[in-house]
Structure formats: structure tokens, C-alpha cells
Amino acid sequence: MMTESEFLQLSDDIFDRIEQAIDQHGLDADTLRQGNVLEIEFDSGDKVIVNRHAVNQEMWIAAKSGGYHFSRRGEDWIASRDGSEFYATLAEAIRAGSGEAFSFAG
């Protein structure tokens, strides 16, 4: 298990990566980071919320498709419910919300 400060730095890096990927894709979306939460809002009004939960050292995603909790396994973040990977799940939620092609590859 990592220290709380290591988790916070790692999750800040994740938030940065998400914001940069949205900017690089030129998506029509607004991001707002407030403390432990990164909110992604699309022109349609749909939102995807990414939350870091420091107590459990988990990353959470809330989207129309559902809520997901991810724990770190090696270098990946894996969902406790279905074994899906964090960035793949988030990319699908962003594609659904924006109606545009999106991925974290590259």
C-alpha cells in the first residue's frame, strides 16, 4: 500500500492526464477540478465524475453507465466489480457523453 501523499500525487497525475487528453482531442467538454473530484461536462449536459477516495486508495468513476471503483494492481487501476481497466472505462464514458471518438492511447 502506498502512503497517502503518494496516492494523492498519483491521482493528481491521473487528473492531469485526463484533462490533457480531453484538450488534445479537442472535445467540446469542460473540466472542473475541485479537491478530490474532476467533473467533465459535455454540451449535452451529460457529466462524468472522476473521484479519488484517499481512505481506500481508489479511483471512482460516475457516469450514465454506472458507478465504478478502481484499485491499483501493479501499474493498472482495475474495477472491483467487473475487472475492467480505469482508462478503458473512462474513455467509453467520455465517448458516450460527448458522442465523439476518444481514447487515452498515444
PDB file of N, CA and C in Angstrom:
ATOM      1  N   MET A   1       0.847  -1.181   0.000  1.00  0.00           N
ATOM      2  CA  MET A   1       0.000   0.000   0.000  1.00  0.00           C
ATOM      3  C   MET A   1       0.892   1.244   0.000  1.00  0.00           C
ATOM      4  N   MET A   2       0.522   2.224  -0.767  1.00  0.00           N
ATOM      5  CA  MET A   2       1.310   3.457  -0.847  1.00  0.00           C
ATOM      6  C   MET A   2       0.887   4.420   0.257  1.00  0.00           C
ATOM      7  N   THR A   3       1.729   5.397   0.517  1.00  0.00           N
ATOM      8  CA  THR A   3       1.383   6.417   1.501  1.00  0.00           C
ATOM      9  C   THR A   3       0.279   7.307   0.929  1.00  0.00           C
ATOM     10  N   GLU A   4      -0.367   8.071   1.803  1.00  0.00           N
ATOM     11  CA  GLU A   4      -1.429   8.968   1.340  1.00  0.00           C
ATOM     12  C   GLU A   4      -0.869  10.012   0.379  1.00  0.00           C
ATOM     13  N   SER A   5       0.322  10.556   0.683  1.00  0.00           N
ATOM     14  CA  SER A   5       0.896  11.567  -0.211  1.00  0.00           C
ATOM     15  C   SER A   5       1.251  10.971  -1.572  1.00  0.00           C
ATOM     16  N   GLU A   6       1.709   9.722  -1.607  1.00  0.00           N
ATOM     17  CA  GLU A   6       1.982   9.054  -2.889  1.00  0.00           C
ATOM     18  C   GLU A   6       0.694   8.857  -3.675  1.00  0.00           C
ATOM     19  N   PHE A   7      -0.373   8.452  -2.982  1.00  0.00           N
ATOM     20  CA  PHE A   7      -1.663   8.279  -3.654  1.00  0.00           C
ATOM     21  C   PHE A   7      -2.174   9.609  -4.205  1.00  0.00           C
ATOM     22  N   LEU A   8      -2.068  10.659  -3.411  1.00  0.00           N
ATOM     23  CA  LEU A   8      -2.547  11.973  -3.865  1.00  0.00           C
ATOM     24  C   LEU A   8      -1.764  12.450  -5.079  1.00  0.00           C
ATOM     25  N   GLN A   9      -0.454  12.250  -5.097  1.00  0.00           N
ATOM     26  CA  GLN A   9       0.357  12.644  -6.254  1.00  0.00           C
ATOM     27  C   GLN A   9      -0.030  11.817  -7.480  1.00  0.00           C
ATOM     28  N   LEU A  10      -0.186  10.526  -7.296  1.00  0.00           N
ATOM     29  CA  LEU A  10      -0.565   9.650  -8.406  1.00  0.00           C
ATOM     30  C   LEU A  10      -1.937  10.035  -8.962  1.00  0.00           C
ATOM     31  N   SER A  11      -2.887  10.316  -8.087  1.00  0.00           N
ATOM     32  CA  SER A  11      -4.221  10.696  -8.556  1.00  0.00           C
ATOM     33  C   SER A  11      -4.215  12.085  -9.199  1.00  0.00           C
ATOM     34  N   ASP A  12      -3.366  13.004  -8.714  1.00  0.00           N
ATOM     35  CA  ASP A  12      -3.211  14.298  -9.399  1.00  0.00           C
ATOM     36  C   ASP A  12      -2.693  14.081 -10.818  1.00  0.00           C
ATOM     37  N   ASP A  13      -1.743  13.161 -10.967  1.00  0.00           N
ATOM     38  CA  ASP A  13      -1.212  12.841 -12.298  1.00  0.00           C
ATOM     39  C   ASP A  13      -2.303  12.269 -13.194  1.00  0.00           C
ATOM     40  N   ILE A  14      -3.186  11.450 -12.627  1.00  0.00           N
ATOM     41  CA  ILE A  14      -4.304  10.887 -13.396  1.00  0.00           C
ATOM     42  C   ILE A  14      -5.230  12.009 -13.844  1.00  0.00           C
ATOM     43  N   PHE A  15      -5.583  12.916 -12.935  1.00  0.00           N
ATOM     44  CA  PHE A  15      -6.438  14.051 -13.300  1.00  0.00           C
ATOM     45  C   PHE A  15      -5.788  14.875 -14.416  1.00  0.00           C
ATOM     46  N   ASP A  16      -4.478  15.121 -14.301  1.00  0.00           N
ATOM     47  CA  ASP A  16      -3.765  15.869 -15.339  1.00  0.00           C
ATOM     48  C   ASP A  16      -3.858  15.152 -16.679  1.00  0.00           C
ATOM     49  N   ARG A  17      -3.644  13.839 -16.672  1.00  0.00           N
ATOM     50  CA  ARG A  17      -3.692  13.056 -17.922  1.00  0.00           C
ATOM     51  C   ARG A  17      -5.073  13.138 -18.560  1.00  0.00           C
ATOM     52  N   ILE A  18      -6.116  13.061 -17.742  1.00  0.00           N
ATOM     53  CA  ILE A  18      -7.479  13.133 -18.265  1.00  0.00           C
ATOM     54  C   ILE A  18      -7.715  14.492 -18.926  1.00  0.00           C
ATOM     55  N   GLU A  19      -7.369  15.572 -18.224  1.00  0.00           N
ATOM     56  CA  GLU A  19      -7.581  16.917 -18.766  1.00  0.00           C
ATOM     57  C   GLU A  19      -6.781  17.133 -20.045  1.00  0.00           C
ATOM     58  N   GLN A  20      -5.545  16.669 -20.072  1.00  0.00           N
ATOM     59  CA  GLN A  20      -4.712  16.819 -21.271  1.00  0.00           C
ATOM     60  C   GLN A  20      -5.286  16.037 -22.445  1.00  0.00           C
ATOM     61  N   ALA A  21      -5.765  14.831 -22.203  1.00  0.00           N
ATOM     62  CA  ALA A  21      -6.330  14.014 -23.287  1.00  0.00           C
ATOM     63  C   ALA A  21      -7.584  14.665 -23.861  1.00  0.00           C
ATOM     64  N   ILE A  22      -8.417  15.218 -23.008  1.00  0.00           N
ATOM     65  CA  ILE A  22      -9.628  15.899 -23.484  1.00  0.00           C
ATOM     66  C   ILE A  22      -9.242  17.112 -24.328  1.00  0.00           C
ATOM     67  N   ASP A  23      -8.264  17.878 -23.882  1.00  0.00           N
ATOM     68  CA  ASP A  23      -7.792  19.036 -24.647  1.00  0.00           C
ATOM     69  C   ASP A  23      -7.195  18.608 -25.985  1.00  0.00           C
ATOM     70  N   GLN A  24      -6.359  17.569 -25.973  1.00  0.00           N
ATOM     71  CA  GLN A  24      -5.701  17.106 -27.199  1.00  0.00           C
ATOM     72  C   GLN A  24      -6.704  16.599 -28.228  1.00  0.00           C
ATOM     73  N   HIS A  25      -7.803  16.002 -27.776  1.00  0.00           N
ATOM     74  CA  HIS A  25      -8.822  15.510 -28.692  1.00  0.00           C
ATOM     75  C   HIS A  25      -9.744  16.630 -29.170  1.00  0.00           C
ATOM     76  N   GLY A  26      -9.642  17.798 -28.553  1.00  0.00           N
ATOM     77  CA  GLY A  26     -10.492  18.915 -28.944  1.00  0.00           C
ATOM     78  C   GLY A  26     -11.962  18.676 -28.654  1.00  0.00           C
ATOM     79  N   LEU A  27     -12.239  17.899 -27.608  1.00  0.00           N
ATOM     80  CA  LEU A  27     -13.635  17.609 -27.270  1.00  0.00           C
ATOM     81  C   LEU A  27     -14.330  18.867 -26.779  1.00  0.00           C
ATOM     82  N   ASP A  28     -15.606  18.938 -27.083  1.00  0.00           N
ATOM     83  CA  ASP A  28     -16.427  20.037 -26.603  1.00  0.00           C
ATOM     84  C   ASP A  28     -16.886  19.675 -25.194  1.00  0.00           C
ATOM     85  N   ALA A  29     -15.976  19.818 -24.238  1.00  0.00           N
ATOM     86  CA  ALA A  29     -16.249  19.450 -22.856  1.00  0.00           C
ATOM     87  C   ALA A  29     -15.522  20.411 -21.936  1.00  0.00           C
ATOM     88  N   ASP A  30     -16.121  20.652 -20.796  1.00  0.00           N
ATOM     89  CA  ASP A  30     -15.499  21.480 -19.769  1.00  0.00           C
ATOM     90  C   ASP A  30     -15.079  20.583 -18.619  1.00  0.00           C
ATOM     91  N   THR A  31     -13.900  20.838 -18.087  1.00  0.00           N
ATOM     92  CA  THR A  31     -13.458  20.098 -16.910  1.00  0.00           C
ATOM     93  C   THR A  31     -13.337  21.061 -15.743  1.00  0.00           C
ATOM     94  N   LEU A  32     -13.683  20.578 -14.570  1.00  0.00           N
ATOM     95  CA  LEU A  32     -13.590  21.359 -13.355  1.00  0.00           C
ATOM     96  C   LEU A  32     -13.036  20.463 -12.262  1.00  0.00           C
ATOM     97  N   ARG A  33     -11.887  20.848 -11.745  1.00  0.00           N
ATOM     98  CA  ARG A  33     -11.267  20.073 -10.676  1.00  0.00           C
ATOM     99  C   ARG A  33     -11.474  20.817  -9.366  1.00  0.00           C
ATOM    100  N   GLN A  34     -12.094  20.124  -8.422  1.00  0.00           N
ATOM    101  CA  GLN A  34     -12.312  20.685  -7.098  1.00  0.00           C
ATOM    102  C   GLN A  34     -11.912  19.631  -6.074  1.00  0.00           C
ATOM    103  N   GLY A  35     -10.776  19.839  -5.430  1.00  0.00           N
ATOM    104  CA  GLY A  35     -10.319  18.907  -4.412  1.00  0.00           C
ATOM    105  C   GLY A  35     -10.133  17.504  -4.965  1.00  0.00           C
ATOM    106  N   ASN A  36     -10.910  16.579  -4.470  1.00  0.00           N
ATOM    107  CA  ASN A  36     -10.799  15.166  -4.843  1.00  0.00           C
ATOM    108  C   ASN A  36     -11.630  14.784  -6.054  1.00  0.00           C
ATOM    109  N   VAL A  37     -12.252  15.756  -6.708  1.00  0.00           N
ATOM    110  CA  VAL A  37     -13.202  15.467  -7.777  1.00  0.00           C
ATOM    111  C   VAL A  37     -12.813  16.199  -9.066  1.00  0.00           C
ATOM    112  N   LEU A  38     -12.896  15.460 -10.175  1.00  0.00           N
ATOM    113  CA  LEU A  38     -12.758  16.048 -11.509  1.00  0.00           C
ATOM    114  C   LEU A  38     -14.080  15.817 -12.223  1.00  0.00           C
ATOM    115  N   GLU A  39     -14.736  16.913 -12.575  1.00  0.00           N
ATOM    116  CA  GLU A  39     -16.024  16.835 -13.261  1.00  0.00           C
ATOM    117  C   GLU A  39     -15.808  17.166 -14.734  1.00  0.00           C
ATOM    118  N   ILE A  40     -16.343  16.306 -15.593  1.00  0.00           N
ATOM    119  CA  ILE A  40     -16.290  16.520 -17.036  1.00  0.00           C
ATOM    120  C   ILE A  40     -17.723  16.732 -17.499  1.00  0.00           C
ATOM    121  N   GLU A  41     -18.014  17.904 -18.055  1.00  0.00           N
ATOM    122  CA  GLU A  41     -19.370  18.208 -18.511  1.00  0.00           C
ATOM    123  C   GLU A  41     -19.355  18.440 -20.016  1.00  0.00           C
ATOM    124  N   PHE A  42     -20.297  17.809 -20.691  1.00  0.00           N
ATOM    125  CA  PHE A  42     -20.409  17.893 -22.146  1.00  0.00           C
ATOM    126  C   PHE A  42     -21.523  18.857 -22.525  1.00  0.00           C
ATOM    127  N   ASP A  43     -21.509  19.312 -23.779  1.00  0.00           N
ATOM    128  CA  ASP A  43     -22.533  20.243 -24.258  1.00  0.00           C
ATOM    129  C   ASP A  43     -23.944  19.702 -24.077  1.00  0.00           C
ATOM    130  N   SER A  44     -24.080  18.385 -24.106  1.00  0.00           N
ATOM    131  CA  SER A  44     -25.391  17.755 -23.946  1.00  0.00           C
ATOM    132  C   SER A  44     -25.923  17.895 -22.524  1.00  0.00           C
ATOM    133  N   GLY A  45     -25.050  18.313 -21.600  1.00  0.00           N
ATOM    134  CA  GLY A  45     -25.421  18.375 -20.192  1.00  0.00           C
ATOM    135  C   GLY A  45     -25.014  17.128 -19.426  1.00  0.00           C
ATOM    136  N   ASP A  46     -24.645  16.070 -20.161  1.00  0.00           N
ATOM    137  CA  ASP A  46     -24.160  14.853 -19.511  1.00  0.00           C
ATOM    138  C   ASP A  46     -22.862  15.157 -18.773  1.00  0.00           C
ATOM    139  N   LYS A  47     -22.644  14.429 -17.684  1.00  0.00           N
ATOM    140  CA  LYS A  47     -21.426  14.604 -16.902  1.00  0.00           C
ATOM    141  C   LYS A  47     -20.802  13.250 -16.604  1.00  0.00           C
ATOM    142  N   VAL A  48     -19.494  13.263 -16.480  1.00  0.00           N
ATOM    143  CA  VAL A  48     -18.732  12.135 -15.964  1.00  0.00           C
ATOM    144  C   VAL A  48     -17.939  12.688 -14.793  1.00  0.00           C
ATOM    145  N   ILE A  49     -18.013  12.020 -13.673  1.00  0.00           N
ATOM    146  CA  ILE A  49     -17.316  12.458 -12.470  1.00  0.00           C
ATOM    147  C   ILE A  49     -16.226  11.443 -12.143  1.00  0.00           C
ATOM    148  N   VAL A  50     -15.010  11.937 -11.949  1.00  0.00           N
ATOM    149  CA  VAL A  50     -13.900  11.096 -11.505  1.00  0.00           C
ATOM    150  C   VAL A  50     -13.529  11.590 -10.110  1.00  0.00           C
ATOM    151  N   ASN A  51     -13.485  10.663  -9.171  1.00  0.00           N
ATOM    152  CA  ASN A  51     -13.254  10.999  -7.779  1.00  0.00           C
ATOM    153  C   ASN A  51     -12.140  10.125  -7.225  1.00  0.00           C
ATOM    154  N   ARG A  52     -11.249  10.731  -6.471  1.00  0.00           N
ATOM    155  CA  ARG A  52     -10.251   9.912  -5.780  1.00  0.00           C
ATOM    156  C   ARG A  52     -10.709   9.731  -4.335  1.00  0.00           C
ATOM    157  N   HIS A  53     -10.610   8.520  -3.855  1.00  0.00           N
ATOM    158  CA  HIS A  53     -11.015   8.197  -2.498  1.00  0.00           C
ATOM    159  C   HIS A  53      -9.765   7.770  -1.742  1.00  0.00           C
ATOM    160  N   ALA A  54      -9.164   8.732  -1.035  1.00  0.00           N
ATOM    161  CA  ALA A  54      -7.858   8.519  -0.408  1.00  0.00           C
ATOM    162  C   ALA A  54      -7.888   7.450   0.679  1.00  0.00           C
ATOM    163  N   VAL A  55      -8.971   7.373   1.441  1.00  0.00           N
ATOM    164  CA  VAL A  55      -9.048   6.405   2.539  1.00  0.00           C
ATOM    165  C   VAL A  55      -8.844   4.980   2.028  1.00  0.00           C
ATOM    166  N   ASN A  56      -9.519   4.651   0.922  1.00  0.00           N
ATOM    167  CA  ASN A  56      -9.413   3.302   0.332  1.00  0.00           C
ATOM    168  C   ASN A  56      -8.366   3.233  -0.772  1.00  0.00           C
ATOM    169  N   GLN A  57      -7.745   4.369  -1.100  1.00  0.00           N
ATOM    170  CA  GLN A  57      -6.803   4.466  -2.212  1.00  0.00           C
ATOM    171  C   GLN A  57      -7.431   3.902  -3.487  1.00  0.00           C
ATOM    172  N   GLU A  58      -8.605   4.434  -3.813  1.00  0.00           N
ATOM    173  CA  GLU A  58      -9.346   4.032  -5.010  1.00  0.00           C
ATOM    174  C   GLU A  58      -9.638   5.248  -5.869  1.00  0.00           C
ATOM    175  N   MET A  59      -9.821   4.979  -7.158  1.00  0.00           N
ATOM    176  CA  MET A  59     -10.329   5.976  -8.104  1.00  0.00           C
ATOM    177  C   MET A  59     -11.744   5.538  -8.455  1.00  0.00           C
ATOM    178  N   TRP A  60     -12.666   6.491  -8.471  1.00  0.00           N
ATOM    179  CA  TRP A  60     -14.060   6.200  -8.761  1.00  0.00           C
ATOM    180  C   TRP A  60     -14.492   6.956 -10.012  1.00  0.00           C
ATOM    181  N   ILE A  61     -15.365   6.317 -10.790  1.00  0.00           N
ATOM    182  CA  ILE A  61     -15.989   6.969 -11.949  1.00  0.00           C
ATOM    183  C   ILE A  61     -17.497   6.860 -11.781  1.00  0.00           C
ATOM    184  N   ALA A  62     -18.178   7.988 -11.978  1.00  0.00           N
ATOM    185  CA  ALA A  62     -19.636   8.004 -12.010  1.00  0.00           C
ATOM    186  C   ALA A  62     -20.055   8.529 -13.376  1.00  0.00           C
ATOM    187  N   ALA A  63     -20.867   7.743 -14.073  1.00  0.00           N
ATOM    188  CA  ALA A  63     -21.336   8.106 -15.412  1.00  0.00           C
ATOM    189  C   ALA A  63     -22.735   7.532 -15.597  1.00  0.00           C
ATOM    190  N   LYS A  64     -23.367   7.875 -16.722  1.00  0.00           N
ATOM    191  CA  LYS A  64     -24.687   7.313 -17.004  1.00  0.00           C
ATOM    192  C   LYS A  64     -24.682   5.789 -16.973  1.00  0.00           C
ATOM    193  N   SER A  65     -23.559   5.206 -17.385  1.00  0.00           N
ATOM    194  CA  SER A  65     -23.458   3.740 -17.445  1.00  0.00           C
ATOM    195  C   SER A  65     -23.321   3.105 -16.063  1.00  0.00           C
ATOM    196  N   GLY A  66     -23.055   3.916 -15.031  1.00  0.00           N
ATOM    197  CA  GLY A  66     -22.968   3.373 -13.681  1.00  0.00           C
ATOM    198  C   GLY A  66     -21.837   3.976 -12.878  1.00  0.00           C
ATOM    199  N   GLY A  67     -21.629   3.391 -11.711  1.00  0.00           N
ATOM    200  CA  GLY A  67     -20.547   3.807 -10.834  1.00  0.00           C
ATOM    201  C   GLY A  67     -19.511   2.703 -10.733  1.00  0.00           C
ATOM    202  N   TYR A  68     -18.245   3.081 -10.734  1.00  0.00           N
ATOM    203  CA  TYR A  68     -17.153   2.109 -10.765  1.00  0.00           C
ATOM    204  C   TYR A  68     -16.090   2.491  -9.749  1.00  0.00           C
ATOM    205  N   HIS A  69     -15.558   1.510  -9.045  1.00  0.00           N
ATOM    206  CA  HIS A  69     -14.474   1.705  -8.086  1.00  0.00           C
ATOM    207  C   HIS A  69     -13.257   0.931  -8.578  1.00  0.00           C
ATOM    208  N   PHE A  70     -12.114   1.615  -8.628  1.00  0.00           N
ATOM    209  CA  PHE A  70     -10.885   1.017  -9.160  1.00  0.00           C
ATOM    210  C   PHE A  70      -9.792   1.031  -8.103  1.00  0.00           C
ATOM    211  N   SER A  71      -9.121  -0.109  -7.951  1.00  0.00           N
ATOM    212  CA  SER A  71      -7.972  -0.233  -7.062  1.00  0.00           C
ATOM    213  C   SER A  71      -6.733  -0.485  -7.902  1.00  0.00           C
ATOM    214  N   ARG A  72      -5.614  -0.060  -7.391  1.00  0.00           N
ATOM    215  CA  ARG A  72      -4.358  -0.237  -8.133  1.00  0.00           C
ATOM    216  C   ARG A  72      -3.873  -1.675  -8.002  1.00  0.00           C
ATOM    217  N   ARG A  73      -3.586  -2.267  -9.156  1.00  0.00           N
ATOM    218  CA  ARG A  73      -2.998  -3.602  -9.217  1.00  0.00           C
ATOM    219  C   ARG A  73      -1.796  -3.510 -10.143  1.00  0.00           C
ATOM    220  N   GLY A  74      -0.610  -3.521  -9.559  1.00  0.00           N
ATOM    221  CA  GLY A  74       0.589  -3.287 -10.361  1.00  0.00           C
ATOM    222  C   GLY A  74       0.567  -1.854 -10.848  1.00  0.00           C
ATOM    223  N   GLU A  75       0.630  -1.672 -12.152  1.00  0.00           N
ATOM    224  CA  GLU A  75       0.596  -0.336 -12.746  1.00  0.00           C
ATOM    225  C   GLU A  75      -0.800   0.059 -13.230  1.00  0.00           C
ATOM    226  N   ASP A  76      -1.768  -0.853 -13.110  1.00  0.00           N
ATOM    227  CA  ASP A  76      -3.118  -0.610 -13.634  1.00  0.00           C
ATOM    228  C   ASP A  76      -4.113  -0.350 -12.510  1.00  0.00           C
ATOM    229  N   TRP A  77      -5.192   0.302 -12.880  1.00  0.00           N
ATOM    230  CA  TRP A  77      -6.327   0.508 -11.977  1.00  0.00           C
ATOM    231  C   TRP A  77      -7.451  -0.392 -12.488  1.00  0.00           C
ATOM    232  N   ILE A  78      -7.892  -1.327 -11.649  1.00  0.00           N
ATOM    233  CA  ILE A  78      -8.841  -2.362 -12.058  1.00  0.00           C
ATOM    234  C   ILE A  78     -10.112  -2.249 -11.216  1.00  0.00           C
ATOM    235  N   ALA A  79     -11.271  -2.376 -11.879  1.00  0.00           N
ATOM    236  CA  ALA A  79     -12.565  -2.285 -11.198  1.00  0.00           C
ATOM    237  C   ALA A  79     -12.812  -3.518 -10.347  1.00  0.00           C
ATOM    238  N   SER A  80     -13.276  -3.275  -9.140  1.00  0.00           N
ATOM    239  CA  SER A  80     -13.559  -4.375  -8.227  1.00  0.00           C
ATOM    240  C   SER A  80     -14.749  -5.206  -8.697  1.00  0.00           C
ATOM    241  N   ARG A  81     -15.693  -4.587  -9.384  1.00  0.00           N
ATOM    242  CA  ARG A  81     -16.919  -5.280  -9.773  1.00  0.00           C
ATOM    243  C   ARG A  81     -16.729  -6.196 -10.968  1.00  0.00           C
ATOM    244  N   ASP A  82     -16.089  -5.694 -12.026  1.00  0.00           N
ATOM    245  CA  ASP A  82     -16.048  -6.492 -13.260  1.00  0.00           C
ATOM    246  C   ASP A  82     -14.655  -6.673 -13.861  1.00  0.00           C
ATOM    247  N   GLY A  83     -13.623  -6.160 -13.191  1.00  0.00           N
ATOM    248  CA  GLY A  83     -12.258  -6.339 -13.682  1.00  0.00           C
ATOM    249  C   GLY A  83     -11.875  -5.432 -14.833  1.00  0.00           C
ATOM    250  N   SER A  84     -12.723  -4.449 -15.153  1.00  0.00           N
ATOM    251  CA  SER A  84     -12.402  -3.529 -16.246  1.00  0.00           C
ATOM    252  C   SER A  84     -11.289  -2.574 -15.817  1.00  0.00           C
ATOM    253  N   GLU A  85     -10.611  -2.004 -16.802  1.00  0.00           N
ATOM    254  CA  GLU A  85      -9.489  -1.104 -16.564  1.00  0.00           C
ATOM    255  C   GLU A  85      -9.989   0.346 -16.538  1.00  0.00           C
ATOM    256  N   PHE A  86      -9.411   1.153 -15.670  1.00  0.00           N
ATOM    257  CA  PHE A  86      -9.846   2.525 -15.437  1.00  0.00           C
ATOM    258  C   PHE A  86      -9.931   3.363 -16.715  1.00  0.00           C
ATOM    259  N   TYR A  87      -8.826   3.458 -17.449  1.00  0.00           N
ATOM    260  CA  TYR A  87      -8.809   4.337 -18.626  1.00  0.00           C
ATOM    261  C   TYR A  87      -9.744   3.849 -19.730  1.00  0.00           C
ATOM    262  N   ALA A  88      -9.893   2.539 -19.878  1.00  0.00           N
ATOM    263  CA  ALA A  88     -10.830   2.000 -20.882  1.00  0.00           C
ATOM    264  C   ALA A  88     -12.265   2.351 -20.504  1.00  0.00           C
ATOM    265  N   THR A  89     -12.597   2.198 -19.233  1.00  0.00           N
ATOM    266  CA  THR A  89     -13.944   2.524 -18.756  1.00  0.00           C
ATOM    267  C   THR A  89     -14.217   4.011 -18.897  1.00  0.00           C
ATOM    268  N   LEU A  90     -13.247   4.833 -18.521  1.00  0.00           N
ATOM    269  CA  LEU A  90     -13.421   6.280 -18.616  1.00  0.00           C
ATOM    270  C   LEU A  90     -13.538   6.730 -20.065  1.00  0.00           C
ATOM    271  N   ALA A  91     -12.722   6.156 -20.949  1.00  0.00           N
ATOM    272  CA  ALA A  91     -12.800   6.519 -22.371  1.00  0.00           C
ATOM    273  C   ALA A  91     -14.181   6.203 -22.931  1.00  0.00           C
ATOM    274  N   GLU A  92     -14.743   5.070 -22.556  1.00  0.00           N
ATOM    275  CA  GLU A  92     -16.087   4.707 -23.028  1.00  0.00           C
ATOM    276  C   GLU A  92     -17.127   5.698 -22.494  1.00  0.00           C
ATOM    277  N   ALA A  93     -17.011   6.096 -21.237  1.00  0.00           N
ATOM    278  CA  ALA A  93     -17.946   7.067 -20.658  1.00  0.00           C
ATOM    279  C   ALA A  93     -17.816   8.426 -21.350  1.00  0.00           C
ATOM    280  N   ILE A  94     -16.591   8.824 -21.690  1.00  0.00           N
ATOM    281  CA  ILE A  94     -16.375  10.094 -22.395  1.00  0.00           C
ATOM    282  C   ILE A  94     -16.928  10.009 -23.816  1.00  0.00           C
ATOM    283  N   ARG A  95     -16.723   8.889 -24.499  1.00  0.00           N
ATOM    284  CA  ARG A  95     -17.303   8.711 -25.846  1.00  0.00           C
ATOM    285  C   ARG A  95     -18.826   8.797 -25.784  1.00  0.00           C
ATOM    286  N   ALA A  96     -19.420   8.144 -24.794  1.00  0.00           N
ATOM    287  CA  ALA A  96     -20.887   8.162 -24.664  1.00  0.00           C
ATOM    288  C   ALA A  96     -21.384   9.572 -24.361  1.00  0.00           C
ATOM    289  N   GLY A  97     -20.687  10.291 -23.500  1.00  0.00           N
ATOM    290  CA  GLY A  97     -21.124  11.637 -23.126  1.00  0.00           C
ATOM    291  C   GLY A  97     -20.926  12.655 -24.225  1.00  0.00           C
ATOM    292  N   SER A  98     -19.836  12.530 -24.964  1.00  0.00           N
ATOM    293  CA  SER A  98     -19.504  13.531 -25.976  1.00  0.00           C
ATOM    294  C   SER A  98     -20.063  13.189 -27.361  1.00  0.00           C
ATOM    295  N   GLY A  99     -20.310  11.904 -27.579  1.00  0.00           N
ATOM    296  CA  GLY A  99     -20.735  11.484 -28.914  1.00  0.00           C
ATOM    297  C   GLY A  99     -19.611  11.521 -29.916  1.00  0.00           C
ATOM    298  N   GLU A 100     -18.365  11.591 -29.447  1.00  0.00           N
ATOM    299  CA  GLU A 100     -17.198  11.692 -30.323  1.00  0.00           C
ATOM    300  C   GLU A 100     -16.203  10.574 -30.017  1.00  0.00           C
ATOM    301  N   ALA A 101     -15.363  10.289 -31.001  1.00  0.00           N
ATOM    302  CA  ALA A 101     -14.303   9.302 -30.806  1.00  0.00           C
ATOM    303  C   ALA A 101     -13.336   9.818 -29.747  1.00  0.00           C
ATOM    304  N   PHE A 102     -12.889   8.911 -28.868  1.00  0.00           N
ATOM    305  CA  PHE A 102     -11.975   9.310 -27.799  1.00  0.00           C
ATOM    306  C   PHE A 102     -11.247   8.088 -27.278  1.00  0.00           C
ATOM    307  N   SER A 103      -9.954   8.257 -26.980  1.00  0.00           N
ATOM    308  CA  SER A 103      -9.189   7.206 -26.314  1.00  0.00           C
ATOM    309  C   SER A 103      -8.023   7.846 -25.592  1.00  0.00           C
ATOM    310  N   PHE A 104      -7.413   7.082 -24.703  1.00  0.00           N
ATOM    311  CA  PHE A 104      -6.231   7.550 -23.989  1.00  0.00           C
ATOM    312  C   PHE A 104      -4.958   7.033 -24.639  1.00  0.00           C
ATOM    313  N   ALA A 105      -5.070   6.300 -25.724  1.00  0.00           N
ATOM    314  CA  ALA A 105      -3.890   5.757 -26.408  1.00  0.00           C
ATOM    315  C   ALA A 105      -3.031   6.882 -26.976  1.00  0.00           C
ATOM    316  N   GLY A 106      -1.722   6.643 -26.953  1.00  0.00           N
ATOM    317  CA  GLY A 106      -0.817   7.614 -27.545  1.00  0.00           C
ATOM    318  C   GLY A 106      -0.500   8.691 -26.679  1.00  0.00           C
TER     319      GLY A 106
END
